[in-house]
């Protein structure tokens, strides 16, 4: 089980690296946005992208918090965009967030050994 969790975690991390580099590549090509010229919806979508990209970075150190940032960022993006399925790229943030959350849960519950769940989450 430990080998499965490790393999799943690293596959998810490598997919996150490729997704992060994909977005950075587009950011370099397009340039930095001028927030004064953007509409309110575009600012929300930009903020959602920043939250999801931050989640991809945070997930390396704090897997639970990073996965929540990925999931919440995608939910915010879907609400701001009025569509849950936005092509093949943006749902991959949700997919990676769920995979990281599964890895965190499997690791946490495997290491419990009779401790209370609420205390273990905050003391880890």
PDB file of N, CA and C in Angstrom:
ATOM      1  N   UNK A   1       0.830  -1.191   0.000  1.00  0.00           N
ATOM      2  CA  UNK A   1       0.000   0.000   0.000  1.00  0.00           C
ATOM      3  C   UNK A   1       0.873   1.253   0.000  1.00  0.00           C
ATOM      4  N   UNK A   2       1.987   1.211   0.743  1.00  0.00           N
ATOM      5  CA  UNK A   2       2.870   2.371   0.807  1.00  0.00           C
ATOM      6  C   UNK A   2       3.483   2.674  -0.562  1.00  0.00           C
ATOM      7  N   UNK A   3       3.836   1.634  -1.310  1.00  0.00           N
ATOM      8  CA  UNK A   3       4.393   1.818  -2.649  1.00  0.00           C
ATOM      9  C   UNK A   3       3.351   2.425  -3.585  1.00  0.00           C
ATOM     10  N   UNK A   4       2.107   1.980  -3.492  1.00  0.00           N
ATOM     11  CA  UNK A   4       1.030   2.526  -4.313  1.00  0.00           C
ATOM     12  C   UNK A   4       0.831   4.011  -4.041  1.00  0.00           C
ATOM     13  N   UNK A   5       0.840   4.393  -2.767  1.00  0.00           N
ATOM     14  CA  UNK A   5       0.656   5.798  -2.399  1.00  0.00           C
ATOM     15  C   UNK A   5       1.817   6.637  -2.932  1.00  0.00           C
ATOM     16  N   UNK A   6       3.032   6.121  -2.813  1.00  0.00           N
ATOM     17  CA  UNK A   6       4.202   6.856  -3.289  1.00  0.00           C
ATOM     18  C   UNK A   6       4.162   7.037  -4.799  1.00  0.00           C
ATOM     19  N   UNK A   7       3.822   5.998  -5.521  1.00  0.00           N
ATOM     20  CA  UNK A   7       3.742   6.089  -6.979  1.00  0.00           C
ATOM     21  C   UNK A   7       2.638   7.057  -7.396  1.00  0.00           C
ATOM     22  N   UNK A   8       1.477   6.956  -6.773  1.00  0.00           N
ATOM     23  CA  UNK A   8       0.374   7.858  -7.091  1.00  0.00           C
ATOM     24  C   UNK A   8       0.734   9.309  -6.782  1.00  0.00           C
ATOM     25  N   UNK A   9       1.400   9.533  -5.665  1.00  0.00           N
ATOM     26  CA  UNK A   9       1.804  10.894  -5.280  1.00  0.00           C
ATOM     27  C   UNK A   9       2.770  11.485  -6.297  1.00  0.00           C
ATOM     28  N   UNK A  10       3.751  10.712  -6.747  1.00  0.00           N
ATOM     29  CA  UNK A  10       4.733  11.246  -7.678  1.00  0.00           C
ATOM     30  C   UNK A  10       4.159  11.417  -9.082  1.00  0.00           C
ATOM     31  N   UNK A  11       3.277  10.540  -9.492  1.00  0.00           N
ATOM     32  CA  UNK A  11       2.604  10.744 -10.780  1.00  0.00           C
ATOM     33  C   UNK A  11       1.784  12.027 -10.742  1.00  0.00           C
ATOM     34  N   UNK A  12       1.082  12.243  -9.646  1.00  0.00           N
ATOM     35  CA  UNK A  12       0.287  13.455  -9.500  1.00  0.00           C
ATOM     36  C   UNK A  12       1.180  14.690  -9.459  1.00  0.00           C
ATOM     37  N   UNK A  13       2.301  14.611  -8.799  1.00  0.00           N
ATOM     38  CA  UNK A  13       3.224  15.748  -8.747  1.00  0.00           C
ATOM     39  C   UNK A  13       3.788  16.072 -10.125  1.00  0.00           C
ATOM     40  N   UNK A  14       4.176  15.052 -10.887  1.00  0.00           N
ATOM     41  CA  UNK A  14       4.714  15.305 -12.220  1.00  0.00           C
ATOM     42  C   UNK A  14       3.647  15.888 -13.151  1.00  0.00           C
ATOM     43  N   UNK A  15       2.424  15.407 -13.057  1.00  0.00           N
ATOM     44  CA  UNK A  15       1.340  16.008 -13.839  1.00  0.00           C
ATOM     45  C   UNK A  15       1.123  17.462 -13.432  1.00  0.00           C
ATOM     46  N   UNK A  16       1.253  17.751 -12.153  1.00  0.00           N
ATOM     47  CA  UNK A  16       1.140  19.126 -11.671  1.00  0.00           C
ATOM     48  C   UNK A  16       2.253  20.012 -12.197  1.00  0.00           C
ATOM     49  N   UNK A  17       3.469  19.473 -12.265  1.00  0.00           N
ATOM     50  CA  UNK A  17       4.596  20.239 -12.817  1.00  0.00           C
ATOM     51  C   UNK A  17       4.334  20.583 -14.276  1.00  0.00           C
ATOM     52  N   UNK A  18       3.879  19.619 -15.064  1.00  0.00           N
ATOM     53  CA  UNK A  18       3.598  19.881 -16.471  1.00  0.00           C
ATOM     54  C   UNK A  18       2.475  20.893 -16.644  1.00  0.00           C
ATOM     55  N   UNK A  19       1.454  20.804 -15.803  1.00  0.00           N
ATOM     56  CA  UNK A  19       0.351  21.754 -15.871  1.00  0.00           C
ATOM     57  C   UNK A  19       0.819  23.150 -15.473  1.00  0.00           C
ATOM     58  N   UNK A  20       1.641  23.248 -14.445  1.00  0.00           N
ATOM     59  CA  UNK A  20       2.182  24.532 -14.011  1.00  0.00           C
ATOM     60  C   UNK A  20       3.039  25.152 -15.119  1.00  0.00           C
ATOM     61  N   UNK A  21       3.923  24.363 -15.715  1.00  0.00           N
ATOM     62  CA  UNK A  21       4.771  24.873 -16.790  1.00  0.00           C
ATOM     63  C   UNK A  21       3.958  25.272 -18.018  1.00  0.00           C
ATOM     64  N   UNK A  22       2.878  24.551 -18.295  1.00  0.00           N
ATOM     65  CA  UNK A  22       1.986  24.891 -19.400  1.00  0.00           C
ATOM     66  C   UNK A  22       1.385  26.279 -19.192  1.00  0.00           C
ATOM     67  N   UNK A  23       0.912  26.567 -17.985  1.00  0.00           N
ATOM     68  CA  UNK A  23       0.318  27.870 -17.703  1.00  0.00           C
ATOM     69  C   UNK A  23       1.367  28.975 -17.668  1.00  0.00           C
ATOM     70  N   UNK A  24       2.544  28.681 -17.158  1.00  0.00           N
ATOM     71  CA  UNK A  24       3.621  29.669 -17.143  1.00  0.00           C
ATOM     72  C   UNK A  24       4.057  29.998 -18.573  1.00  0.00           C
ATOM     73  N   UNK A  25       4.085  28.994 -19.427  1.00  0.00           N
ATOM     74  CA  UNK A  25       4.449  29.210 -20.828  1.00  0.00           C
ATOM     75  C   UNK A  25       3.463  30.174 -21.492  1.00  0.00           C
ATOM     76  N   UNK A  26       2.176  29.976 -21.253  1.00  0.00           N
ATOM     77  CA  UNK A  26       1.183  30.894 -21.800  1.00  0.00           C
ATOM     78  C   UNK A  26       1.293  32.279 -21.173  1.00  0.00           C
ATOM     79  N   UNK A  27       1.610  32.350 -19.903  1.00  0.00           N
ATOM     80  CA  UNK A  27       1.753  33.652 -19.242  1.00  0.00           C
ATOM     81  C   UNK A  27       2.934  34.428 -19.823  1.00  0.00           C
ATOM     82  N   UNK A  28       4.007  33.731 -20.151  1.00  0.00           N
ATOM     83  CA  UNK A  28       5.166  34.395 -20.745  1.00  0.00           C
ATOM     84  C   UNK A  28       4.838  34.867 -22.153  1.00  0.00           C
ATOM     85  N   UNK A  29       4.098  34.075 -22.918  1.00  0.00           N
ATOM     86  CA  UNK A  29       3.743  34.458 -24.281  1.00  0.00           C
ATOM     87  C   UNK A  29       2.798  35.655 -24.308  1.00  0.00           C
ATOM     88  N   UNK A  30       1.793  35.635 -23.434  1.00  0.00           N
ATOM     89  CA  UNK A  30       0.773  36.681 -23.450  1.00  0.00           C
ATOM     90  C   UNK A  30       1.252  37.921 -22.704  1.00  0.00           C
ATOM     91  N   UNK A  31       1.958  37.755 -21.626  1.00  0.00           N
ATOM     92  CA  UNK A  31       2.414  38.875 -20.811  1.00  0.00           C
ATOM     93  C   UNK A  31       1.512  39.064 -19.615  1.00  0.00           C
ATOM     94  N   UNK A  32       1.865  40.000 -18.780  1.00  0.00           N
ATOM     95  CA  UNK A  32       1.075  40.231 -17.575  1.00  0.00           C
ATOM     96  C   UNK A  32      -0.188  41.015 -17.925  1.00  0.00           C
ATOM     97  N   UNK A  33      -1.305  40.661 -17.317  1.00  0.00           N
ATOM     98  CA  UNK A  33      -2.557  41.353 -17.648  1.00  0.00           C
ATOM     99  C   UNK A  33      -2.636  42.711 -16.963  1.00  0.00           C
ATOM    100  N   UNK A  34      -3.335  43.617 -17.602  1.00  0.00           N
ATOM    101  CA  UNK A  34      -3.597  44.928 -17.013  1.00  0.00           C
ATOM    102  C   UNK A  34      -4.951  44.848 -16.313  1.00  0.00           C
ATOM    103  N   UNK A  35      -4.930  44.853 -14.993  1.00  0.00           N
ATOM    104  CA  UNK A  35      -6.162  44.664 -14.237  1.00  0.00           C
ATOM    105  C   UNK A  35      -7.146  45.815 -14.423  1.00  0.00           C
ATOM    106  N   UNK A  36      -6.666  46.984 -14.824  1.00  0.00           N
ATOM    107  CA  UNK A  36      -7.567  48.117 -15.050  1.00  0.00           C
ATOM    108  C   UNK A  36      -8.427  47.923 -16.294  1.00  0.00           C
ATOM    109  N   UNK A  37      -7.931  47.175 -17.280  1.00  0.00           N
ATOM    110  CA  UNK A  37      -8.658  46.965 -18.521  1.00  0.00           C
ATOM    111  C   UNK A  37      -9.511  45.701 -18.518  1.00  0.00           C
ATOM    112  N   UNK A  38      -9.400  44.893 -17.467  1.00  0.00           N
ATOM    113  CA  UNK A  38     -10.122  43.624 -17.400  1.00  0.00           C
ATOM    114  C   UNK A  38     -11.519  43.837 -16.824  1.00  0.00           C
ATOM    115  N   UNK A  39     -12.458  43.029 -17.295  1.00  0.00           N
ATOM    116  CA  UNK A  39     -13.801  43.078 -16.732  1.00  0.00           C
ATOM    117  C   UNK A  39     -13.808  42.357 -15.376  1.00  0.00           C
ATOM    118  N   UNK A  40     -14.924  42.463 -14.686  1.00  0.00           N
ATOM    119  CA  UNK A  40     -15.027  41.829 -13.371  1.00  0.00           C
ATOM    120  C   UNK A  40     -14.920  40.311 -13.474  1.00  0.00           C
ATOM    121  N   UNK A  41     -15.521  39.733 -14.501  1.00  0.00           N
ATOM    122  CA  UNK A  41     -15.453  38.284 -14.681  1.00  0.00           C
ATOM    123  C   UNK A  41     -14.030  37.840 -15.019  1.00  0.00           C
ATOM    124  N   UNK A  42     -13.330  38.596 -15.838  1.00  0.00           N
ATOM    125  CA  UNK A  42     -11.946  38.245 -16.171  1.00  0.00           C
ATOM    126  C   UNK A  42     -11.042  38.311 -14.948  1.00  0.00           C
ATOM    127  N   UNK A  43     -11.291  39.273 -14.065  1.00  0.00           N
ATOM    128  CA  UNK A  43     -10.504  39.365 -12.829  1.00  0.00           C
ATOM    129  C   UNK A  43     -10.772  38.150 -11.947  1.00  0.00           C
ATOM    130  N   UNK A  44     -12.044  37.713 -11.870  1.00  0.00           N
ATOM    131  CA  UNK A  44     -12.367  36.518 -11.085  1.00  0.00           C
ATOM    132  C   UNK A  44     -11.683  35.280 -11.664  1.00  0.00           C
ATOM    133  N   UNK A  45     -11.698  35.146 -12.986  1.00  0.00           N
ATOM    134  CA  UNK A  45     -11.051  33.995 -13.620  1.00  0.00           C
ATOM    135  C   UNK A  45      -9.534  34.038 -13.404  1.00  0.00           C
ATOM    136  N   UNK A  46      -8.956  35.225 -13.476  1.00  0.00           N
ATOM    137  CA  UNK A  46      -7.528  35.377 -13.226  1.00  0.00           C
ATOM    138  C   UNK A  46      -7.192  34.998 -11.782  1.00  0.00           C
ATOM    139  N   UNK A  47      -8.008  35.445 -10.844  1.00  0.00           N
ATOM    140  CA  UNK A  47      -7.803  35.111  -9.435  1.00  0.00           C
ATOM    141  C   UNK A  47      -7.927  33.604  -9.200  1.00  0.00           C
ATOM    142  N   UNK A  48      -8.899  32.974  -9.866  1.00  0.00           N
ATOM    143  CA  UNK A  48      -9.055  31.526  -9.739  1.00  0.00           C
ATOM    144  C   UNK A  48      -7.819  30.797 -10.272  1.00  0.00           C
ATOM    145  N   UNK A  49      -7.260  31.283 -11.384  1.00  0.00           N
ATOM    146  CA  UNK A  49      -6.036  30.680 -11.917  1.00  0.00           C
ATOM    147  C   UNK A  49      -4.867  30.847 -10.960  1.00  0.00           C
ATOM    148  N   UNK A  50      -4.757  32.010 -10.338  1.00  0.00           N
ATOM    149  CA  UNK A  50      -3.683  32.244  -9.371  1.00  0.00           C
ATOM    150  C   UNK A  50      -3.842  31.306  -8.172  1.00  0.00           C
ATOM    151  N   UNK A  51      -5.075  31.112  -7.701  1.00  0.00           N
ATOM    152  CA  UNK A  51      -5.322  30.206  -6.574  1.00  0.00           C
ATOM    153  C   UNK A  51      -4.927  28.780  -6.946  1.00  0.00           C
ATOM    154  N   UNK A  52      -5.302  28.343  -8.154  1.00  0.00           N
ATOM    155  CA  UNK A  52      -4.975  26.971  -8.561  1.00  0.00           C
ATOM    156  C   UNK A  52      -3.474  26.793  -8.755  1.00  0.00           C
ATOM    157  N   UNK A  53      -2.799  27.775  -9.330  1.00  0.00           N
ATOM    158  CA  UNK A  53      -1.345  27.663  -9.504  1.00  0.00           C
ATOM    159  C   UNK A  53      -0.626  27.706  -8.154  1.00  0.00           C
ATOM    160  N   UNK A  54      -1.143  28.498  -7.221  1.00  0.00           N
ATOM    161  CA  UNK A  54      -0.591  28.507  -5.865  1.00  0.00           C
ATOM    162  C   UNK A  54      -0.783  27.147  -5.204  1.00  0.00           C
ATOM    163  N   UNK A  55      -1.928  26.533  -5.442  1.00  0.00           N
ATOM    164  CA  UNK A  55      -2.182  25.197  -4.911  1.00  0.00           C
ATOM    165  C   UNK A  55      -1.196  24.168  -5.433  1.00  0.00           C
ATOM    166  N   UNK A  56      -0.792  24.309  -6.704  1.00  0.00           N
ATOM    167  CA  UNK A  56       0.192  23.384  -7.265  1.00  0.00           C
ATOM    168  C   UNK A  56       1.556  23.527  -6.597  1.00  0.00           C
ATOM    169  N   UNK A  57       1.853  24.712  -6.105  1.00  0.00           N
ATOM    170  CA  UNK A  57       3.128  24.920  -5.407  1.00  0.00           C
ATOM    171  C   UNK A  57       3.020  24.452  -3.954  1.00  0.00           C
ATOM    172  N   UNK A  58       1.933  24.817  -3.289  1.00  0.00           N
ATOM    173  CA  UNK A  58       1.756  24.504  -1.869  1.00  0.00           C
ATOM    174  C   UNK A  58       1.642  23.002  -1.637  1.00  0.00           C
ATOM    175  N   UNK A  59       1.106  22.276  -2.611  1.00  0.00           N
ATOM    176  CA  UNK A  59       0.859  20.846  -2.432  1.00  0.00           C
ATOM    177  C   UNK A  59       2.163  20.064  -2.234  1.00  0.00           C
ATOM    178  N   UNK A  60       3.291  20.608  -2.616  1.00  0.00           N
ATOM    179  CA  UNK A  60       4.559  19.918  -2.417  1.00  0.00           C
ATOM    180  C   UNK A  60       4.948  19.856  -0.947  1.00  0.00           C
ATOM    181  N   UNK A  61       4.601  20.878  -0.173  1.00  0.00           N
ATOM    182  CA  UNK A  61       4.969  20.913   1.242  1.00  0.00           C
ATOM    183  C   UNK A  61       3.793  20.518   2.138  1.00  0.00           C
ATOM    184  N   UNK A  62       2.622  21.068   1.849  1.00  0.00           N
ATOM    185  CA  UNK A  62       1.415  20.811   2.638  1.00  0.00           C
ATOM    186  C   UNK A  62       0.358  20.233   1.704  1.00  0.00           C
ATOM    187  N   UNK A  63       0.292  18.919   1.656  1.00  0.00           N
ATOM    188  CA  UNK A  63      -0.543  18.245   0.661  1.00  0.00           C
ATOM    189  C   UNK A  63      -2.028  18.522   0.871  1.00  0.00           C
ATOM    190  N   UNK A  64      -2.475  18.564   2.103  1.00  0.00           N
ATOM    191  CA  UNK A  64      -3.895  18.790   2.374  1.00  0.00           C
ATOM    192  C   UNK A  64      -4.316  20.203   1.985  1.00  0.00           C
ATOM    193  N   UNK A  65      -3.550  21.195   2.396  1.00  0.00           N
ATOM    194  CA  UNK A  65      -3.884  22.583   2.092  1.00  0.00           C
ATOM    195  C   UNK A  65      -3.786  22.849   0.589  1.00  0.00           C
ATOM    196  N   UNK A  66      -2.755  22.322  -0.050  1.00  0.00           N
ATOM    197  CA  UNK A  66      -2.605  22.492  -1.500  1.00  0.00           C
ATOM    198  C   UNK A  66      -3.731  21.849  -2.286  1.00  0.00           C
ATOM    199  N   UNK A  67      -4.159  20.664  -1.857  1.00  0.00           N
ATOM    200  CA  UNK A  67      -5.260  20.001  -2.565  1.00  0.00           C
ATOM    201  C   UNK A  67      -6.557  20.779  -2.388  1.00  0.00           C
ATOM    202  N   UNK A  68      -6.770  21.342  -1.196  1.00  0.00           N
ATOM    203  CA  UNK A  68      -7.969  22.170  -1.003  1.00  0.00           C
ATOM    204  C   UNK A  68      -7.912  23.433  -1.851  1.00  0.00           C
ATOM    205  N   UNK A  69      -6.729  24.028  -1.989  1.00  0.00           N
ATOM    206  CA  UNK A  69      -6.590  25.197  -2.864  1.00  0.00           C
ATOM    207  C   UNK A  69      -6.897  24.842  -4.312  1.00  0.00           C
ATOM    208  N   UNK A  70      -6.437  23.681  -4.753  1.00  0.00           N
ATOM    209  CA  UNK A  70      -6.727  23.246  -6.125  1.00  0.00           C
ATOM    210  C   UNK A  70      -8.219  23.036  -6.337  1.00  0.00           C
ATOM    211  N   UNK A  71      -8.856  22.360  -5.409  1.00  0.00           N
ATOM    212  CA  UNK A  71     -10.286  22.073  -5.547  1.00  0.00           C
ATOM    213  C   UNK A  71     -11.109  23.343  -5.432  1.00  0.00           C
ATOM    214  N   UNK A  72     -10.827  24.174  -4.429  1.00  0.00           N
ATOM    215  CA  UNK A  72     -11.591  25.416  -4.248  1.00  0.00           C
ATOM    216  C   UNK A  72     -11.332  26.386  -5.398  1.00  0.00           C
ATOM    217  N   UNK A  73     -10.107  26.441  -5.885  1.00  0.00           N
ATOM    218  CA  UNK A  73      -9.795  27.304  -7.020  1.00  0.00           C
ATOM    219  C   UNK A  73     -10.568  26.903  -8.259  1.00  0.00           C
ATOM    220  N   UNK A  74     -10.672  25.583  -8.500  1.00  0.00           N
ATOM    221  CA  UNK A  74     -11.436  25.145  -9.667  1.00  0.00           C
ATOM    222  C   UNK A  74     -12.929  25.398  -9.484  1.00  0.00           C
ATOM    223  N   UNK A  75     -13.446  25.191  -8.285  1.00  0.00           N
ATOM    224  CA  UNK A  75     -14.868  25.467  -8.041  1.00  0.00           C
ATOM    225  C   UNK A  75     -15.149  26.951  -8.237  1.00  0.00           C
ATOM    226  N   UNK A  76     -14.269  27.817  -7.744  1.00  0.00           N
ATOM    227  CA  UNK A  76     -14.417  29.257  -7.954  1.00  0.00           C
ATOM    228  C   UNK A  76     -14.345  29.600  -9.439  1.00  0.00           C
ATOM    229  N   UNK A  77     -13.429  28.950 -10.163  1.00  0.00           N
ATOM    230  CA  UNK A  77     -13.308  29.161 -11.607  1.00  0.00           C
ATOM    231  C   UNK A  77     -14.581  28.737 -12.329  1.00  0.00           C
ATOM    232  N   UNK A  78     -15.128  27.584 -11.932  1.00  0.00           N
ATOM    233  CA  UNK A  78     -16.342  27.086 -12.588  1.00  0.00           C
ATOM    234  C   UNK A  78     -17.533  27.995 -12.310  1.00  0.00           C
ATOM    235  N   UNK A  79     -17.637  28.519 -11.096  1.00  0.00           N
ATOM    236  CA  UNK A  79     -18.736  29.432 -10.768  1.00  0.00           C
ATOM    237  C   UNK A  79     -18.573  30.745 -11.533  1.00  0.00           C
ATOM    238  N   UNK A  80     -17.358  31.266 -11.594  1.00  0.00           N
ATOM    239  CA  UNK A  80     -17.127  32.531 -12.295  1.00  0.00           C
ATOM    240  C   UNK A  80     -17.308  32.391 -13.798  1.00  0.00           C
ATOM    241  N   UNK A  81     -17.055  31.190 -14.315  1.00  0.00           N
ATOM    242  CA  UNK A  81     -17.161  30.956 -15.757  1.00  0.00           C
ATOM    243  C   UNK A  81     -18.530  30.424 -16.166  1.00  0.00           C
ATOM    244  N   UNK A  82     -19.405  30.176 -15.206  1.00  0.00           N
ATOM    245  CA  UNK A  82     -20.759  29.660 -15.434  1.00  0.00           C
ATOM    246  C   UNK A  82     -20.761  28.307 -16.125  1.00  0.00           C
ATOM    247  N   UNK A  83     -19.727  27.525 -15.934  1.00  0.00           N
ATOM    248  CA  UNK A  83     -19.643  26.208 -16.553  1.00  0.00           C
ATOM    249  C   UNK A  83     -18.715  25.332 -15.715  1.00  0.00           C
ATOM    250  N   UNK A  84     -19.154  24.106 -15.442  1.00  0.00           N
ATOM    251  CA  UNK A  84     -18.327  23.217 -14.636  1.00  0.00           C
ATOM    252  C   UNK A  84     -17.244  22.556 -15.474  1.00  0.00           C
ATOM    253  N   UNK A  85     -17.548  22.187 -16.700  1.00  0.00           N
ATOM    254  CA  UNK A  85     -16.572  21.515 -17.550  1.00  0.00           C
ATOM    255  C   UNK A  85     -16.060  22.505 -18.572  1.00  0.00           C
ATOM    256  N   UNK A  86     -14.812  22.930 -18.426  1.00  0.00           N
ATOM    257  CA  UNK A  86     -14.238  23.982 -19.255  1.00  0.00           C
ATOM    258  C   UNK A  86     -13.126  23.451 -20.140  1.00  0.00           C
ATOM    259  N   UNK A  87     -13.405  22.453 -20.946  1.00  0.00           N
ATOM    260  CA  UNK A  87     -12.378  21.877 -21.793  1.00  0.00           C
ATOM    261  C   UNK A  87     -11.512  20.896 -21.026  1.00  0.00           C
ATOM    262  N   UNK A  88     -10.440  20.430 -21.643  1.00  0.00           N
ATOM    263  CA  UNK A  88      -9.627  19.391 -20.996  1.00  0.00           C
ATOM    264  C   UNK A  88      -8.585  19.909 -20.009  1.00  0.00           C
ATOM    265  N   UNK A  89      -8.257  21.190 -20.031  1.00  0.00           N
ATOM    266  CA  UNK A  89      -7.154  21.681 -19.215  1.00  0.00           C
ATOM    267  C   UNK A  89      -7.596  22.027 -17.797  1.00  0.00           C
ATOM    268  N   UNK A  90      -8.616  22.829 -17.646  1.00  0.00           N
ATOM    269  CA  UNK A  90      -8.994  23.314 -16.315  1.00  0.00           C
ATOM    270  C   UNK A  90      -9.534  22.222 -15.389  1.00  0.00           C
ATOM    271  N   UNK A  91     -10.291  21.243 -15.878  1.00  0.00           N
ATOM    272  CA  UNK A  91     -10.695  20.159 -14.963  1.00  0.00           C
ATOM    273  C   UNK A  91      -9.525  19.324 -14.450  1.00  0.00           C
ATOM    274  N   UNK A  92      -8.380  19.411 -15.102  1.00  0.00           N
ATOM    275  CA  UNK A  92      -7.226  18.673 -14.599  1.00  0.00           C
ATOM    276  C   UNK A  92      -6.762  19.222 -13.248  1.00  0.00           C
ATOM    277  N   UNK A  93      -7.024  20.511 -12.962  1.00  0.00           N
ATOM    278  CA  UNK A  93      -6.732  21.045 -11.627  1.00  0.00           C
ATOM    279  C   UNK A  93      -7.579  20.334 -10.573  1.00  0.00           C
ATOM    280  N   UNK A  94      -8.864  20.153 -10.879  1.00  0.00           N
ATOM    281  CA  UNK A  94      -9.754  19.442  -9.963  1.00  0.00           C
ATOM    282  C   UNK A  94      -9.294  17.992  -9.795  1.00  0.00           C
ATOM    283  N   UNK A  95      -8.943  17.352 -10.893  1.00  0.00           N
ATOM    284  CA  UNK A  95      -8.474  15.969 -10.870  1.00  0.00           C
ATOM    285  C   UNK A  95      -7.210  15.835 -10.018  1.00  0.00           C
ATOM    286  N   UNK A  96      -6.261  16.747 -10.202  1.00  0.00           N
ATOM    287  CA  UNK A  96      -5.025  16.699  -9.409  1.00  0.00           C
ATOM    288  C   UNK A  96      -5.307  16.980  -7.938  1.00  0.00           C
ATOM    289  N   UNK A  97      -6.225  17.899  -7.654  1.00  0.00           N
ATOM    290  CA  UNK A  97      -6.587  18.179  -6.270  1.00  0.00           C
ATOM    291  C   UNK A  97      -7.193  16.978  -5.584  1.00  0.00           C
ATOM    292  N   UNK A  98      -8.061  16.274  -6.287  1.00  0.00           N
ATOM    293  CA  UNK A  98      -8.685  15.076  -5.712  1.00  0.00           C
ATOM    294  C   UNK A  98      -7.641  13.975  -5.510  1.00  0.00           C
ATOM    295  N   UNK A  99      -6.728  13.811  -6.469  1.00  0.00           N
ATOM    296  CA  UNK A  99      -5.683  12.798  -6.319  1.00  0.00           C
ATOM    297  C   UNK A  99      -4.760  13.111  -5.140  1.00  0.00           C
ATOM    298  N   UNK A 100      -4.392  14.371  -4.976  1.00  0.00           N
ATOM    299  CA  UNK A 100      -3.565  14.738  -3.827  1.00  0.00           C
ATOM    300  C   UNK A 100      -4.325  14.543  -2.519  1.00  0.00           C
ATOM    301  N   UNK A 101      -5.605  14.835  -2.519  1.00  0.00           N
ATOM    302  CA  UNK A 101      -6.416  14.628  -1.322  1.00  0.00           C
ATOM    303  C   UNK A 101      -6.511  13.141  -0.976  1.00  0.00           C
ATOM    304  N   UNK A 102      -6.616  12.296  -1.989  1.00  0.00           N
ATOM    305  CA  UNK A 102      -6.639  10.845  -1.766  1.00  0.00           C
ATOM    306  C   UNK A 102      -5.298  10.373  -1.200  1.00  0.00           C
ATOM    307  N   UNK A 103      -4.188  10.860  -1.759  1.00  0.00           N
ATOM    308  CA  UNK A 103      -2.865  10.485  -1.245  1.00  0.00           C
ATOM    309  C   UNK A 103      -2.704  10.922   0.203  1.00  0.00           C
ATOM    310  N   UNK A 104      -3.124  12.141   0.507  1.00  0.00           N
ATOM    311  CA  UNK A 104      -3.027  12.629   1.882  1.00  0.00           C
ATOM    312  C   UNK A 104      -3.877  11.779   2.824  1.00  0.00           C
ATOM    313  N   UNK A 105      -5.107  11.463   2.402  1.00  0.00           N
ATOM    314  CA  UNK A 105      -6.006  10.681   3.260  1.00  0.00           C
ATOM    315  C   UNK A 105      -5.461   9.273   3.481  1.00  0.00           C
ATOM    316  N   UNK A 106      -4.971   8.641   2.432  1.00  0.00           N
ATOM    317  CA  UNK A 106      -4.427   7.288   2.589  1.00  0.00           C
ATOM    318  C   UNK A 106      -3.205   7.288   3.503  1.00  0.00           C
ATOM    319  N   UNK A 107      -2.352   8.288   3.370  1.00  0.00           N
ATOM    320  CA  UNK A 107      -1.168   8.374   4.230  1.00  0.00           C
ATOM    321  C   UNK A 107      -1.565   8.650   5.675  1.00  0.00           C
ATOM    322  N   UNK A 108      -2.489   9.566   5.874  1.00  0.00           N
ATOM    323  CA  UNK A 108      -2.906   9.947   7.222  1.00  0.00           C
ATOM    324  C   UNK A 108      -3.593   8.790   7.933  1.00  0.00           C
ATOM    325  N   UNK A 109      -4.538   8.156   7.275  1.00  0.00           N
ATOM    326  CA  UNK A 109      -5.294   7.093   7.930  1.00  0.00           C
ATOM    327  C   UNK A 109      -4.472   5.818   8.064  1.00  0.00           C
ATOM    328  N   UNK A 110      -3.439   5.658   7.245  1.00  0.00           N
ATOM    329  CA  UNK A 110      -2.563   4.505   7.381  1.00  0.00           C
ATOM    330  C   UNK A 110      -1.647   4.679   8.588  1.00  0.00           C
ATOM    331  N   UNK A 111      -1.305   5.921   8.920  1.00  0.00           N
ATOM    332  CA  UNK A 111      -0.391   6.204  10.027  1.00  0.00           C
ATOM    333  C   UNK A 111      -1.102   6.449  11.352  1.00  0.00           C
ATOM    334  N   UNK A 112      -2.410   6.329  11.396  1.00  0.00           N
ATOM    335  CA  UNK A 112      -3.150   6.666  12.615  1.00  0.00           C
ATOM    336  C   UNK A 112      -2.790   5.769  13.791  1.00  0.00           C
ATOM    337  N   UNK A 113      -2.877   4.475  13.620  1.00  0.00           N
ATOM    338  CA  UNK A 113      -2.547   3.496  14.667  1.00  0.00           C
ATOM    339  C   UNK A 113      -3.287   3.754  15.976  1.00  0.00           C
ATOM    340  N   UNK A 114      -4.589   4.020  15.901  1.00  0.00           N
ATOM    341  CA  UNK A 114      -5.389   4.156  17.102  1.00  0.00           C
ATOM    342  C   UNK A 114      -5.496   5.558  17.658  1.00  0.00           C
ATOM    343  N   UNK A 115      -4.847   6.547  17.073  1.00  0.00           N
ATOM    344  CA  UNK A 115      -4.958   7.923  17.560  1.00  0.00           C
ATOM    345  C   UNK A 115      -6.278   8.528  17.100  1.00  0.00           C
ATOM    346  N   UNK A 116      -6.701   9.556  17.794  1.00  0.00           N
ATOM    347  CA  UNK A 116      -7.904  10.253  17.369  1.00  0.00           C
ATOM    348  C   UNK A 116      -7.606  11.040  16.098  1.00  0.00           C
ATOM    349  N   UNK A 117      -8.544  11.026  15.165  1.00  0.00           N
ATOM    350  CA  UNK A 117      -8.324  11.659  13.870  1.00  0.00           C
ATOM    351  C   UNK A 117      -8.131  13.161  14.006  1.00  0.00           C
ATOM    352  N   UNK A 118      -8.960  13.823  14.786  1.00  0.00           N
ATOM    353  CA  UNK A 118      -8.887  15.278  14.865  1.00  0.00           C
ATOM    354  C   UNK A 118      -7.557  15.742  15.460  1.00  0.00           C
ATOM    355  N   UNK A 119      -7.049  15.047  16.462  1.00  0.00           N
ATOM    356  CA  UNK A 119      -5.775  15.428  17.048  1.00  0.00           C
ATOM    357  C   UNK A 119      -4.628  15.138  16.094  1.00  0.00           C
ATOM    358  N   UNK A 120      -4.701  14.045  15.360  1.00  0.00           N
ATOM    359  CA  UNK A 120      -3.620  13.675  14.473  1.00  0.00           C
ATOM    360  C   UNK A 120      -3.481  14.655  13.325  1.00  0.00           C
ATOM    361  N   UNK A 121      -4.585  15.141  12.792  1.00  0.00           N
ATOM    362  CA  UNK A 121      -4.527  16.076  11.667  1.00  0.00           C
ATOM    363  C   UNK A 121      -3.840  17.362  12.086  1.00  0.00           C
ATOM    364  N   UNK A 122      -4.121  17.875  13.298  1.00  0.00           N
ATOM    365  CA  UNK A 122      -3.548  19.133  13.702  1.00  0.00           C
ATOM    366  C   UNK A 122      -2.130  18.992  14.244  1.00  0.00           C
ATOM    367  N   UNK A 123      -1.765  17.830  14.712  1.00  0.00           N
ATOM    368  CA  UNK A 123      -0.418  17.641  15.257  1.00  0.00           C
ATOM    369  C   UNK A 123       0.574  17.214  14.211  1.00  0.00           C
ATOM    370  N   UNK A 124       0.116  16.782  13.052  1.00  0.00           N
ATOM    371  CA  UNK A 124       1.015  16.327  12.008  1.00  0.00           C
ATOM    372  C   UNK A 124       1.678  17.517  11.419  1.00  0.00           C
TER     373      UNK A 124
END
